[in-house]
Amino acid sequence: MEAKIEKISELSKLSSVKTRMSDDLFHLLVSLASVTCYLAFHWKNMTGFRLRS
């Protein structure tokens, strides 16, 4: 019985780590998308370059 509880505890920890890694990856991708949009907007305005419309 104690071994089952320990195994469940380990699985719970692994699931928690996996969820945190997924959340971190999502936030990283959102940040990169935001920076890309910001730079594209300002680069367009500074250089007079027109992106496809």
PDB file of N, CA and C in Angstrom:
ATOM      1  N   MET A   1       0.825  -1.194   0.000  1.00  0.00           N
ATOM      2  CA  MET A   1       0.000   0.000   0.000  1.00  0.00           C
ATOM      3  C   MET A   1       0.868   1.256   0.000  1.00  0.00           C
ATOM      4  N   GLU A   2       1.898   1.240   0.825  1.00  0.00           N
ATOM      5  CA  GLU A   2       2.789   2.402   0.919  1.00  0.00           C
ATOM      6  C   GLU A   2       3.523   2.632  -0.401  1.00  0.00           C
ATOM      7  N   ALA A   3       3.863   1.542  -1.082  1.00  0.00           N
ATOM      8  CA  ALA A   3       4.543   1.661  -2.381  1.00  0.00           C
ATOM      9  C   ALA A   3       3.623   2.307  -3.411  1.00  0.00           C
ATOM     10  N   LYS A   4       2.337   1.965  -3.372  1.00  0.00           N
ATOM     11  CA  LYS A   4       1.378   2.566  -4.303  1.00  0.00           C
ATOM     12  C   LYS A   4       1.249   4.065  -4.050  1.00  0.00           C
ATOM     13  N   ILE A   5       1.190   4.439  -2.777  1.00  0.00           N
ATOM     14  CA  ILE A   5       1.084   5.862  -2.431  1.00  0.00           C
ATOM     15  C   ILE A   5       2.322   6.612  -2.905  1.00  0.00           C
ATOM     16  N   GLU A   6       3.487   6.008  -2.729  1.00  0.00           N
ATOM     17  CA  GLU A   6       4.730   6.652  -3.166  1.00  0.00           C
ATOM     18  C   GLU A   6       4.765   6.779  -4.689  1.00  0.00           C
ATOM     19  N   LYS A   7       4.300   5.749  -5.386  1.00  0.00           N
ATOM     20  CA  LYS A   7       4.269   5.792  -6.850  1.00  0.00           C
ATOM     21  C   LYS A   7       3.315   6.882  -7.334  1.00  0.00           C
ATOM     22  N   ILE A   8       2.150   6.982  -6.703  1.00  0.00           N
ATOM     23  CA  ILE A   8       1.187   8.031  -7.064  1.00  0.00           C
ATOM     24  C   ILE A   8       1.790   9.405  -6.801  1.00  0.00           C
ATOM     25  N   SER A   9       2.504   9.541  -5.704  1.00  0.00           N
ATOM     26  CA  SER A   9       3.156  10.809  -5.375  1.00  0.00           C
ATOM     27  C   SER A   9       4.191  11.180  -6.436  1.00  0.00           C
ATOM     28  N   GLU A  10       4.979  10.205  -6.875  1.00  0.00           N
ATOM     29  CA  GLU A  10       5.980  10.455  -7.915  1.00  0.00           C
ATOM     30  C   GLU A  10       5.318  10.850  -9.233  1.00  0.00           C
ATOM     31  N   LEU A  11       4.247  10.156  -9.597  1.00  0.00           N
ATOM     32  CA  LEU A  11       3.529  10.490 -10.830  1.00  0.00           C
ATOM     33  C   LEU A  11       2.942  11.894 -10.755  1.00  0.00           C
ATOM     34  N   SER A  12       2.451  12.259  -9.593  1.00  0.00           N
ATOM     35  CA  SER A  12       1.899  13.600  -9.399  1.00  0.00           C
ATOM     36  C   SER A  12       2.989  14.657  -9.570  1.00  0.00           C
ATOM     37  N   LYS A  13       4.167  14.397  -9.025  1.00  0.00           N
ATOM     38  CA  LYS A  13       5.289  15.335  -9.168  1.00  0.00           C
ATOM     39  C   LYS A  13       5.688  15.475 -10.632  1.00  0.00           C
ATOM     40  N   LEU A  14       5.778  14.356 -11.349  1.00  0.00           N
ATOM     41  CA  LEU A  14       6.144  14.402 -12.762  1.00  0.00           C
ATOM     42  C   LEU A  14       5.112  15.174 -13.573  1.00  0.00           C
ATOM     43  N   SER A  15       3.851  14.969 -13.264  1.00  0.00           N
ATOM     44  CA  SER A  15       2.781  15.682 -13.960  1.00  0.00           C
ATOM     45  C   SER A  15       2.881  17.180 -13.700  1.00  0.00           C
ATOM     46  N   SER A  16       3.193  17.543 -12.478  1.00  0.00           N
ATOM     47  CA  SER A  16       3.329  18.956 -12.116  1.00  0.00           C
ATOM     48  C   SER A  16       4.489  19.597 -12.871  1.00  0.00           C
ATOM     49  N   VAL A  17       5.608  18.897 -12.957  1.00  0.00           N
ATOM     50  CA  VAL A  17       6.773  19.418 -13.681  1.00  0.00           C
ATOM     51  C   VAL A  17       6.441  19.571 -15.158  1.00  0.00           C
ATOM     52  N   LYS A  18       5.765  18.590 -15.733  1.00  0.00           N
ATOM     53  CA  LYS A  18       5.394  18.643 -17.148  1.00  0.00           C
ATOM     54  C   LYS A  18       4.466  19.828 -17.414  1.00  0.00           C
ATOM     55  N   THR A  19       3.511  20.056 -16.526  1.00  0.00           N
ATOM     56  CA  THR A  19       2.587  21.181 -16.680  1.00  0.00           C
ATOM     57  C   THR A  19       3.333  22.505 -16.608  1.00  0.00           C
ATOM     58  N   ARG A  20       4.253  22.625 -15.647  1.00  0.00           N
ATOM     59  CA  ARG A  20       5.029  23.863 -15.522  1.00  0.00           C
ATOM     60  C   ARG A  20       5.881  24.107 -16.759  1.00  0.00           C
ATOM     61  N   MET A  21       6.474  23.049 -17.307  1.00  0.00           N
ATOM     62  CA  MET A  21       7.287  23.202 -18.513  1.00  0.00           C
ATOM     63  C   MET A  21       6.422  23.649 -19.684  1.00  0.00           C
ATOM     64  N   SER A  22       5.219  23.097 -19.801  1.00  0.00           N
ATOM     65  CA  SER A  22       4.301  23.497 -20.871  1.00  0.00           C
ATOM     66  C   SER A  22       3.906  24.958 -20.715  1.00  0.00           C
ATOM     67  N   ASP A  23       3.616  25.373 -19.485  1.00  0.00           N
ATOM     68  CA  ASP A  23       3.258  26.770 -19.228  1.00  0.00           C
ATOM     69  C   ASP A  23       4.416  27.701 -19.569  1.00  0.00           C
ATOM     70  N   ASP A  24       5.630  27.320 -19.179  1.00  0.00           N
ATOM     71  CA  ASP A  24       6.803  28.145 -19.475  1.00  0.00           C
ATOM     72  C   ASP A  24       7.017  28.268 -20.972  1.00  0.00           C
ATOM     73  N   LEU A  25       6.852  27.176 -21.698  1.00  0.00           N
ATOM     74  CA  LEU A  25       7.023  27.202 -23.151  1.00  0.00           C
ATOM     75  C   LEU A  25       5.971  28.096 -23.793  1.00  0.00           C
ATOM     76  N   PHE A  26       4.729  28.006 -23.331  1.00  0.00           N
ATOM     77  CA  PHE A  26       3.658  28.847 -23.856  1.00  0.00           C
ATOM     78  C   PHE A  26       3.978  30.324 -23.632  1.00  0.00           C
ATOM     79  N   HIS A  27       4.418  30.683 -22.426  1.00  0.00           N
ATOM     80  CA  HIS A  27       4.735  32.080 -22.131  1.00  0.00           C
ATOM     81  C   HIS A  27       5.929  32.560 -22.952  1.00  0.00           C
ATOM     82  N   LEU A  28       6.888  31.691 -23.184  1.00  0.00           N
ATOM     83  CA  LEU A  28       8.032  32.056 -24.018  1.00  0.00           C
ATOM     84  C   LEU A  28       7.586  32.347 -25.447  1.00  0.00           C
ATOM     85  N   LEU A  29       6.744  31.496 -26.003  1.00  0.00           N
ATOM     86  CA  LEU A  29       6.266  31.708 -27.370  1.00  0.00           C
ATOM     87  C   LEU A  29       5.417  32.970 -27.483  1.00  0.00           C
ATOM     88  N   VAL A  30       4.589  33.248 -26.484  1.00  0.00           N
ATOM     89  CA  VAL A  30       3.784  34.473 -26.491  1.00  0.00           C
ATOM     90  C   VAL A  30       4.695  35.692 -26.427  1.00  0.00           C
ATOM     91  N   SER A  31       5.730  35.633 -25.602  1.00  0.00           N
ATOM     92  CA  SER A  31       6.674  36.747 -25.497  1.00  0.00           C
ATOM     93  C   SER A  31       7.404  36.971 -26.818  1.00  0.00           C
ATOM     94  N   LEU A  32       7.839  35.900 -27.454  1.00  0.00           N
ATOM     95  CA  LEU A  32       8.526  36.033 -28.739  1.00  0.00           C
ATOM     96  C   LEU A  32       7.602  36.613 -29.801  1.00  0.00           C
ATOM     97  N   ALA A  33       6.349  36.207 -29.800  1.00  0.00           N
ATOM     98  CA  ALA A  33       5.387  36.751 -30.758  1.00  0.00           C
ATOM     99  C   ALA A  33       5.166  38.238 -30.510  1.00  0.00           C
ATOM    100  N   SER A  34       5.071  38.633 -29.254  1.00  0.00           N
ATOM    101  CA  SER A  34       4.875  40.045 -28.920  1.00  0.00           C
ATOM    102  C   SER A  34       6.065  40.885 -29.356  1.00  0.00           C
ATOM    103  N   VAL A  35       7.265  40.404 -29.090  1.00  0.00           N
ATOM    104  CA  VAL A  35       8.470  41.137 -29.484  1.00  0.00           C
ATOM    105  C   VAL A  35       8.555  41.234 -31.003  1.00  0.00           C
ATOM    106  N   THR A  36       8.223  40.167 -31.697  1.00  0.00           N
ATOM    107  CA  THR A  36       8.252  40.177 -33.163  1.00  0.00           C
ATOM    108  C   THR A  36       7.276  41.204 -33.720  1.00  0.00           C
ATOM    109  N   CYS A  37       6.074  41.247 -33.184  1.00  0.00           N
ATOM    110  CA  CYS A  37       5.081  42.235 -33.643  1.00  0.00           C
ATOM    111  C   CYS A  37       5.554  43.650 -33.356  1.00  0.00           C
ATOM    112  N   TYR A  38       6.095  43.869 -32.172  1.00  0.00           N
ATOM    113  CA  TYR A  38       6.590  45.194 -31.794  1.00  0.00           C
ATOM    114  C   TYR A  38       7.698  45.648 -32.741  1.00  0.00           C
ATOM    115  N   LEU A  39       8.661  44.770 -32.975  1.00  0.00           N
ATOM    116  CA  LEU A  39       9.778  45.124 -33.852  1.00  0.00           C
ATOM    117  C   LEU A  39       9.320  45.332 -35.288  1.00  0.00           C
ATOM    118  N   ALA A  40       8.413  44.511 -35.765  1.00  0.00           N
ATOM    119  CA  ALA A  40       7.911  44.667 -37.132  1.00  0.00           C
ATOM    120  C   ALA A  40       7.205  46.003 -37.285  1.00  0.00           C
ATOM    121  N   PHE A  41       6.413  46.391 -36.305  1.00  0.00           N
ATOM    122  CA  PHE A  41       5.694  47.662 -36.366  1.00  0.00           C
ATOM    123  C   PHE A  41       6.671  48.835 -36.380  1.00  0.00           C
ATOM    124  N   HIS A  42       7.640  48.822 -35.469  1.00  0.00           N
ATOM    125  CA  HIS A  42       8.576  49.940 -35.381  1.00  0.00           C
ATOM    126  C   HIS A  42       9.558  49.958 -36.546  1.00  0.00           C
ATOM    127  N   TRP A  43       9.963  48.805 -37.033  1.00  0.00           N
ATOM    128  CA  TRP A  43      10.872  48.758 -38.174  1.00  0.00           C
ATOM    129  C   TRP A  43      10.176  49.331 -39.398  1.00  0.00           C
ATOM    130  N   LYS A  44       8.909  48.993 -39.562  1.00  0.00           N
ATOM    131  CA  LYS A  44       8.125  49.505 -40.685  1.00  0.00           C
ATOM    132  C   LYS A  44       8.041  51.030 -40.611  1.00  0.00           C
ATOM    133  N   ASN A  45       7.789  51.567 -39.437  1.00  0.00           N
ATOM    134  CA  ASN A  45       7.661  53.015 -39.276  1.00  0.00           C
ATOM    135  C   ASN A  45       9.000  53.734 -39.417  1.00  0.00           C
ATOM    136  N   MET A  46      10.088  53.131 -38.972  1.00  0.00           N
ATOM    137  CA  MET A  46      11.396  53.792 -39.018  1.00  0.00           C
ATOM    138  C   MET A  46      11.993  53.762 -40.418  1.00  0.00           C
ATOM    139  N   THR A  47      11.780  52.719 -41.172  1.00  0.00           N
ATOM    140  CA  THR A  47      12.428  52.587 -42.476  1.00  0.00           C
ATOM    141  C   THR A  47      11.529  53.008 -43.622  1.00  0.00           C
ATOM    142  N   GLY A  48      10.265  53.183 -43.356  1.00  0.00           N
ATOM    143  CA  GLY A  48       9.336  53.498 -44.424  1.00  0.00           C
ATOM    144  C   GLY A  48       9.016  52.287 -45.276  1.00  0.00           C
ATOM    145  N   PHE A  49       9.478  51.135 -44.833  1.00  0.00           N
ATOM    146  CA  PHE A  49       9.233  49.890 -45.566  1.00  0.00           C
ATOM    147  C   PHE A  49       7.804  49.449 -45.320  1.00  0.00           C
ATOM    148  N   ARG A  50       7.107  49.090 -46.378  1.00  0.00           N
ATOM    149  CA  ARG A  50       5.724  48.651 -46.222  1.00  0.00           C
ATOM    150  C   ARG A  50       5.665  47.134 -46.309  1.00  0.00           C
ATOM    151  N   LEU A  51       5.100  46.548 -45.274  1.00  0.00           N
ATOM    152  CA  LEU A  51       4.850  45.115 -45.318  1.00  0.00           C
ATOM    153  C   LEU A  51       3.658  44.868 -46.225  1.00  0.00           C
ATOM    154  N   ARG A  52       3.520  43.652 -46.706  1.00  0.00           N
ATOM    155  CA  ARG A  52       2.388  43.343 -47.584  1.00  0.00           C
ATOM    156  C   ARG A  52       1.082  43.684 -46.887  1.00  0.00           C
ATOM    157  N   SER A  53       0.188  44.279 -47.648  1.00  0.00           N
ATOM    158  CA  SER A  53      -1.106  44.611 -47.040  1.00  0.00           C
ATOM    159  C   SER A  53      -2.230  43.885 -47.739  1.00  0.00           C
TER     160      SER A  53
END
